[in-house]
């Protein structure tokens, strides 16, 4: 209903479902239903046609990032992981291209990683060390603090952080937030 098949090539597209049910279909015969908390990664490679649509009665919310693959090309790849992050303190690695990491989802971008925070109560942790960080709050509130000050983010808020200064994320209660760490240094 309303989903339009569209082409992708040379993009890595990780998607975290926040609410609802996401249906993925592509021209390679892959189909998947993903619920809130699930994660998928489509690496389009030399090209794929796909659709993504709301497959449930509730509104669908998801967060998607488009990443340039390294190297370009190759066959399209698809991965889906069900509920890779249980609630608990700290940040959990969801996806990474670091060859030394063991994430639930492997990226074709060696200098990119996705983390999830799902504390079920008060929590504080350091954000990953990277030149570029992006924090997106799905539920609850998250306070970001560094040596220069702090900011309180609520549901739907995001912050882009550049530079390598240490940053702490803290919550006063249950929350869910995602952190991208990207480091383009050679």
C-alpha atoms as a PDB file:
ATOM      1  CA  UNK A   1       0.000   0.000   0.000  1.00  0.00           C
ATOM      2  CA  UNK A   2       1.763   3.098  -1.232  1.00  0.00           C
ATOM      3  CA  UNK A   3       5.197   1.429  -1.404  1.00  0.00           C
ATOM      4  CA  UNK A   4       7.073   2.138  -4.627  1.00  0.00           C
ATOM      5  CA  UNK A   5       9.832  -0.143  -5.826  1.00  0.00           C
ATOM      6  CA  UNK A   6      12.964   1.921  -6.354  1.00  0.00           C
ATOM      7  CA  UNK A   7      16.587   1.233  -7.338  1.00  0.00           C
ATOM      8  CA  UNK A   8      19.704   1.534  -5.188  1.00  0.00           C
ATOM      9  CA  UNK A   9      23.332   1.031  -6.076  1.00  0.00           C
ATOM     10  CA  UNK A  10      26.603   1.539  -4.251  1.00  0.00           C
ATOM     11  CA  UNK A  11      24.963   2.378  -0.923  1.00  0.00           C
ATOM     12  CA  UNK A  12      24.972   0.631   2.408  1.00  0.00           C
ATOM     13  CA  UNK A  13      21.638   1.262   4.135  1.00  0.00           C
ATOM     14  CA  UNK A  14      21.302   0.144   7.774  1.00  0.00           C
ATOM     15  CA  UNK A  15      17.760   0.547   9.166  1.00  0.00           C
ATOM     16  CA  UNK A  16      16.663   0.328  12.831  1.00  0.00           C
ATOM     17  CA  UNK A  17      12.909  -0.100  13.329  1.00  0.00           C
ATOM     18  CA  UNK A  18      11.697   2.119  16.186  1.00  0.00           C
ATOM     19  CA  UNK A  19       7.926   1.408  16.080  1.00  0.00           C
ATOM     20  CA  UNK A  20       5.573  -0.687  13.961  1.00  0.00           C
ATOM     21  CA  UNK A  21       6.352  -3.394  11.399  1.00  0.00           C
ATOM     22  CA  UNK A  22       8.576  -2.838   8.350  1.00  0.00           C
ATOM     23  CA  UNK A  23       8.306  -5.129   5.329  1.00  0.00           C
ATOM     24  CA  UNK A  24      11.332  -5.380   3.012  1.00  0.00           C
ATOM     25  CA  UNK A  25      11.104  -6.943  -0.469  1.00  0.00           C
ATOM     26  CA  UNK A  26      13.686  -6.858  -3.246  1.00  0.00           C
ATOM     27  CA  UNK A  27      14.202  -8.140  -6.760  1.00  0.00           C
ATOM     28  CA  UNK A  28      16.577 -10.852  -5.498  1.00  0.00           C
ATOM     29  CA  UNK A  29      13.635 -12.622  -3.826  1.00  0.00           C
ATOM     30  CA  UNK A  30      14.425 -11.507  -0.289  1.00  0.00           C
ATOM     31  CA  UNK A  31      11.529 -10.612   1.998  1.00  0.00           C
ATOM     32  CA  UNK A  32      11.579  -9.782   5.680  1.00  0.00           C
ATOM     33  CA  UNK A  33       9.215  -8.477   8.357  1.00  0.00           C
ATOM     34  CA  UNK A  34      10.952  -6.421  11.023  1.00  0.00           C
ATOM     35  CA  UNK A  35       9.412  -5.263  14.309  1.00  0.00           C
ATOM     36  CA  UNK A  36      10.426  -2.514  16.719  1.00  0.00           C
ATOM     37  CA  UNK A  37      14.000  -3.128  17.874  1.00  0.00           C
ATOM     38  CA  UNK A  38      14.996  -5.115  14.766  1.00  0.00           C
ATOM     39  CA  UNK A  39      17.823  -4.099  12.445  1.00  0.00           C
ATOM     40  CA  UNK A  40      18.397  -4.627   8.732  1.00  0.00           C
ATOM     41  CA  UNK A  41      21.216  -3.760   6.361  1.00  0.00           C
ATOM     42  CA  UNK A  42      20.895  -3.565   2.602  1.00  0.00           C
ATOM     43  CA  UNK A  43      24.194  -3.270   0.782  1.00  0.00           C
ATOM     44  CA  UNK A  44      23.063  -2.388  -2.725  1.00  0.00           C
ATOM     45  CA  UNK A  45      26.363  -3.248  -4.427  1.00  0.00           C
ATOM     46  CA  UNK A  46      26.027  -3.157  -8.219  1.00  0.00           C
ATOM     47  CA  UNK A  47      22.284  -2.603  -7.942  1.00  0.00           C
ATOM     48  CA  UNK A  48      19.037  -3.794  -6.407  1.00  0.00           C
ATOM     49  CA  UNK A  49      15.381  -2.775  -6.679  1.00  0.00           C
ATOM     50  CA  UNK A  50      13.461  -2.860  -3.405  1.00  0.00           C
ATOM     51  CA  UNK A  51      10.432  -1.681  -1.466  1.00  0.00           C
ATOM     52  CA  UNK A  52       9.969  -0.991   2.204  1.00  0.00           C
ATOM     53  CA  UNK A  53       6.514  -0.406   3.623  1.00  0.00           C
ATOM     54  CA  UNK A  54       4.447  -0.391   6.779  1.00  0.00           C
ATOM     55  CA  UNK A  55       3.136  -3.951   7.140  1.00  0.00           C
ATOM     56  CA  UNK A  56       1.181  -3.486  10.361  1.00  0.00           C
ATOM     57  CA  UNK A  57      -1.755  -1.583  11.834  1.00  0.00           C
ATOM     58  CA  UNK A  58       0.444   0.757  13.960  1.00  0.00           C
ATOM     59  CA  UNK A  59       2.367   3.734  12.568  1.00  0.00           C
ATOM     60  CA  UNK A  60       5.856   2.804  11.346  1.00  0.00           C
ATOM     61  CA  UNK A  61       8.934   4.730  12.504  1.00  0.00           C
ATOM     62  CA  UNK A  62      12.470   3.786  11.564  1.00  0.00           C
ATOM     63  CA  UNK A  63      15.885   5.384  11.397  1.00  0.00           C
ATOM     64  CA  UNK A  64      17.938   4.865   8.254  1.00  0.00           C
ATOM     65  CA  UNK A  65      21.471   5.955   7.377  1.00  0.00           C
ATOM     66  CA  UNK A  66      22.949   5.950   3.879  1.00  0.00           C
ATOM     67  CA  UNK A  67      26.641   5.057   3.808  1.00  0.00           C
ATOM     68  CA  UNK A  68      29.093   4.880   0.925  1.00  0.00           C
ATOM     69  CA  UNK A  69      30.521   1.367   0.763  1.00  0.00           C
ATOM     70  CA  UNK A  70      34.227   0.630   0.691  1.00  0.00           C
ATOM     71  CA  UNK A  71      34.929  -0.927  -1.718  1.00  0.00           C
ATOM     72  CA  UNK A  72      32.273   0.007  -4.262  1.00  0.00           C
ATOM     73  CA  UNK A  73      30.470  -2.645  -6.279  1.00  0.00           C
ATOM     74  CA  UNK A  74      30.044  -6.306  -5.544  1.00  0.00           C
ATOM     75  CA  UNK A  75      26.814  -8.231  -5.335  1.00  0.00           C
ATOM     76  CA  UNK A  76      23.887  -6.878  -3.307  1.00  0.00           C
ATOM     77  CA  UNK A  77      23.704  -8.217   0.268  1.00  0.00           C
ATOM     78  CA  UNK A  78      20.886  -8.210   2.811  1.00  0.00           C
ATOM     79  CA  UNK A  79      20.961  -8.953   6.544  1.00  0.00           C
ATOM     80  CA  UNK A  80      18.168  -8.795   9.116  1.00  0.00           C
ATOM     81  CA  UNK A  81      18.628  -9.281  12.860  1.00  0.00           C
ATOM     82  CA  UNK A  82      15.785  -9.667  15.338  1.00  0.00           C
ATOM     83  CA  UNK A  83      16.054  -7.708  18.612  1.00  0.00           C
ATOM     84  CA  UNK A  84      19.869  -7.426  18.766  1.00  0.00           C
ATOM     85  CA  UNK A  85      19.845  -5.163  21.864  1.00  0.00           C
ATOM     86  CA  UNK A  86      18.107  -6.094  25.113  1.00  0.00           C
ATOM     87  CA  UNK A  87      17.391  -3.303  27.606  1.00  0.00           C
ATOM     88  CA  UNK A  88      20.265  -2.606  29.976  1.00  0.00           C
ATOM     89  CA  UNK A  89      22.983  -0.106  30.835  1.00  0.00           C
ATOM     90  CA  UNK A  90      25.632   1.244  28.475  1.00  0.00           C
ATOM     91  CA  UNK A  91      25.928   1.205  24.705  1.00  0.00           C
ATOM     92  CA  UNK A  92      25.731  -2.000  22.647  1.00  0.00           C
ATOM     93  CA  UNK A  93      27.355  -2.403  19.237  1.00  0.00           C
ATOM     94  CA  UNK A  94      24.730  -3.057  16.528  1.00  0.00           C
ATOM     95  CA  UNK A  95      26.675  -2.680  13.287  1.00  0.00           C
ATOM     96  CA  UNK A  96      30.297  -2.099  12.350  1.00  0.00           C
ATOM     97  CA  UNK A  97      32.736  -2.375   9.481  1.00  0.00           C
ATOM     98  CA  UNK A  98      35.738  -2.759  11.788  1.00  0.00           C
ATOM     99  CA  UNK A  99      37.282  -6.152  10.938  1.00  0.00           C
ATOM    100  CA  UNK A 100      38.170  -6.680  14.627  1.00  0.00           C
ATOM    101  CA  UNK A 101      34.602  -6.091  15.876  1.00  0.00           C
ATOM    102  CA  UNK A 102      31.886  -8.742  16.280  1.00  0.00           C
ATOM    103  CA  UNK A 103      28.613  -6.870  15.653  1.00  0.00           C
ATOM    104  CA  UNK A 104      25.239  -8.475  14.896  1.00  0.00           C
ATOM    105  CA  UNK A 105      25.390  -6.701  11.496  1.00  0.00           C
ATOM    106  CA  UNK A 106      28.559  -6.280   9.426  1.00  0.00           C
ATOM    107  CA  UNK A 107      28.924  -3.036   7.405  1.00  0.00           C
ATOM    108  CA  UNK A 108      30.996  -2.552   4.264  1.00  0.00           C
ATOM    109  CA  UNK A 109      32.210   0.763   5.701  1.00  0.00           C
ATOM    110  CA  UNK A 110      35.315   0.049   7.820  1.00  0.00           C
ATOM    111  CA  UNK A 111      35.188   3.368   9.676  1.00  0.00           C
ATOM    112  CA  UNK A 112      31.501   3.398  10.651  1.00  0.00           C
ATOM    113  CA  UNK A 113      29.709   1.859  13.626  1.00  0.00           C
ATOM    114  CA  UNK A 114      26.189   1.987  15.043  1.00  0.00           C
ATOM    115  CA  UNK A 115      25.482   1.622  18.770  1.00  0.00           C
ATOM    116  CA  UNK A 116      22.234   1.481  20.728  1.00  0.00           C
ATOM    117  CA  UNK A 117      21.563   2.631  24.261  1.00  0.00           C
ATOM    118  CA  UNK A 118      18.479   1.118  25.929  1.00  0.00           C
ATOM    119  CA  UNK A 119      18.835   1.770  29.645  1.00  0.00           C
ATOM    120  CA  UNK A 120      15.831   0.778  31.719  1.00  0.00           C
ATOM    121  CA  UNK A 121      16.762   3.292  34.418  1.00  0.00           C
ATOM    122  CA  UNK A 122      19.392   5.927  35.242  1.00  0.00           C
ATOM    123  CA  UNK A 123      22.596   5.374  33.283  1.00  0.00           C
ATOM    124  CA  UNK A 124      25.699   7.224  32.103  1.00  0.00           C
ATOM    125  CA  UNK A 125      28.299   6.177  29.554  1.00  0.00           C
ATOM    126  CA  UNK A 126      30.927   7.691  27.288  1.00  0.00           C
ATOM    127  CA  UNK A 127      30.104   8.004  23.606  1.00  0.00           C
ATOM    128  CA  UNK A 128      32.479   6.100  21.306  1.00  0.00           C
ATOM    129  CA  UNK A 129      35.648   7.952  20.353  1.00  0.00           C
ATOM    130  CA  UNK A 130      35.287   9.208  16.766  1.00  0.00           C
ATOM    131  CA  UNK A 131      35.720  12.375  14.730  1.00  0.00           C
ATOM    132  CA  UNK A 132      32.031  12.409  13.725  1.00  0.00           C
ATOM    133  CA  UNK A 133      29.202  11.237  15.998  1.00  0.00           C
ATOM    134  CA  UNK A 134      25.467  11.435  15.520  1.00  0.00           C
ATOM    135  CA  UNK A 135      23.037  10.784  18.390  1.00  0.00           C
ATOM    136  CA  UNK A 136      19.308  10.220  17.781  1.00  0.00           C
ATOM    137  CA  UNK A 137      16.842   9.820  20.670  1.00  0.00           C
ATOM    138  CA  UNK A 138      13.927   7.438  20.013  1.00  0.00           C
ATOM    139  CA  UNK A 139      12.390   7.378  23.523  1.00  0.00           C
ATOM    140  CA  UNK A 140      12.943   9.082  26.850  1.00  0.00           C
ATOM    141  CA  UNK A 141      15.547  11.786  27.257  1.00  0.00           C
ATOM    142  CA  UNK A 142      19.323  11.821  26.985  1.00  0.00           C
ATOM    143  CA  UNK A 143      21.658  14.449  28.390  1.00  0.00           C
ATOM    144  CA  UNK A 144      24.874  14.941  26.394  1.00  0.00           C
ATOM    145  CA  UNK A 145      27.744  16.615  28.223  1.00  0.00           C
ATOM    146  CA  UNK A 146      31.307  17.590  27.411  1.00  0.00           C
ATOM    147  CA  UNK A 147      33.842  20.013  28.921  1.00  0.00           C
ATOM    148  CA  UNK A 148      32.050  22.976  27.303  1.00  0.00           C
ATOM    149  CA  UNK A 149      28.479  22.280  28.435  1.00  0.00           C
ATOM    150  CA  UNK A 150      25.489  20.025  28.065  1.00  0.00           C
ATOM    151  CA  UNK A 151      22.284  19.574  26.081  1.00  0.00           C
ATOM    152  CA  UNK A 152      19.100  17.678  26.915  1.00  0.00           C
ATOM    153  CA  UNK A 153      17.569  15.747  23.988  1.00  0.00           C
ATOM    154  CA  UNK A 154      14.023  14.328  23.903  1.00  0.00           C
ATOM    155  CA  UNK A 155      12.241  11.892  21.576  1.00  0.00           C
ATOM    156  CA  UNK A 156      12.992  12.705  17.929  1.00  0.00           C
ATOM    157  CA  UNK A 157      15.868  15.044  18.802  1.00  0.00           C
ATOM    158  CA  UNK A 158      19.336  14.505  17.359  1.00  0.00           C
ATOM    159  CA  UNK A 159      22.808  15.945  17.818  1.00  0.00           C
ATOM    160  CA  UNK A 160      25.753  15.997  15.434  1.00  0.00           C
ATOM    161  CA  UNK A 161      29.069  16.058  17.252  1.00  0.00           C
ATOM    162  CA  UNK A 162      32.382  16.747  15.517  1.00  0.00           C
ATOM    163  CA  UNK A 163      35.832  16.533  17.040  1.00  0.00           C
ATOM    164  CA  UNK A 164      37.348  14.032  19.409  1.00  0.00           C
ATOM    165  CA  UNK A 165      36.485  15.628  22.770  1.00  0.00           C
ATOM    166  CA  UNK A 166      34.994  13.108  25.226  1.00  0.00           C
ATOM    167  CA  UNK A 167      31.184  13.233  25.430  1.00  0.00           C
ATOM    168  CA  UNK A 168      29.007  11.517  28.049  1.00  0.00           C
ATOM    169  CA  UNK A 169      25.401  10.413  27.500  1.00  0.00           C
ATOM    170  CA  UNK A 170      23.242  10.080  30.595  1.00  0.00           C
ATOM    171  CA  UNK A 171      19.614   9.167  31.238  1.00  0.00           C
ATOM    172  CA  UNK A 172      17.415   9.708  34.270  1.00  0.00           C
ATOM    173  CA  UNK A 173      15.071   6.828  33.417  1.00  0.00           C
ATOM    174  CA  UNK A 174      14.149   4.436  30.624  1.00  0.00           C
ATOM    175  CA  UNK A 175      15.324   5.618  27.197  1.00  0.00           C
ATOM    176  CA  UNK A 176      16.361   4.425  23.756  1.00  0.00           C
ATOM    177  CA  UNK A 177      18.920   6.188  21.602  1.00  0.00           C
ATOM    178  CA  UNK A 178      21.210   5.393  18.678  1.00  0.00           C
ATOM    179  CA  UNK A 179      24.768   6.586  18.177  1.00  0.00           C
ATOM    180  CA  UNK A 180      26.634   6.599  14.872  1.00  0.00           C
ATOM    181  CA  UNK A 181      30.420   6.857  15.176  1.00  0.00           C
ATOM    182  CA  UNK A 182      32.219   7.739  11.947  1.00  0.00           C
ATOM    183  CA  UNK A 183      35.885   8.417  11.580  1.00  0.00           C
ATOM    184  CA  UNK A 184      37.131   9.350   8.120  1.00  0.00           C
ATOM    185  CA  UNK A 185      40.793   9.509   9.186  1.00  0.00           C
ATOM    186  CA  UNK A 186      43.121   7.309   7.096  1.00  0.00           C
END
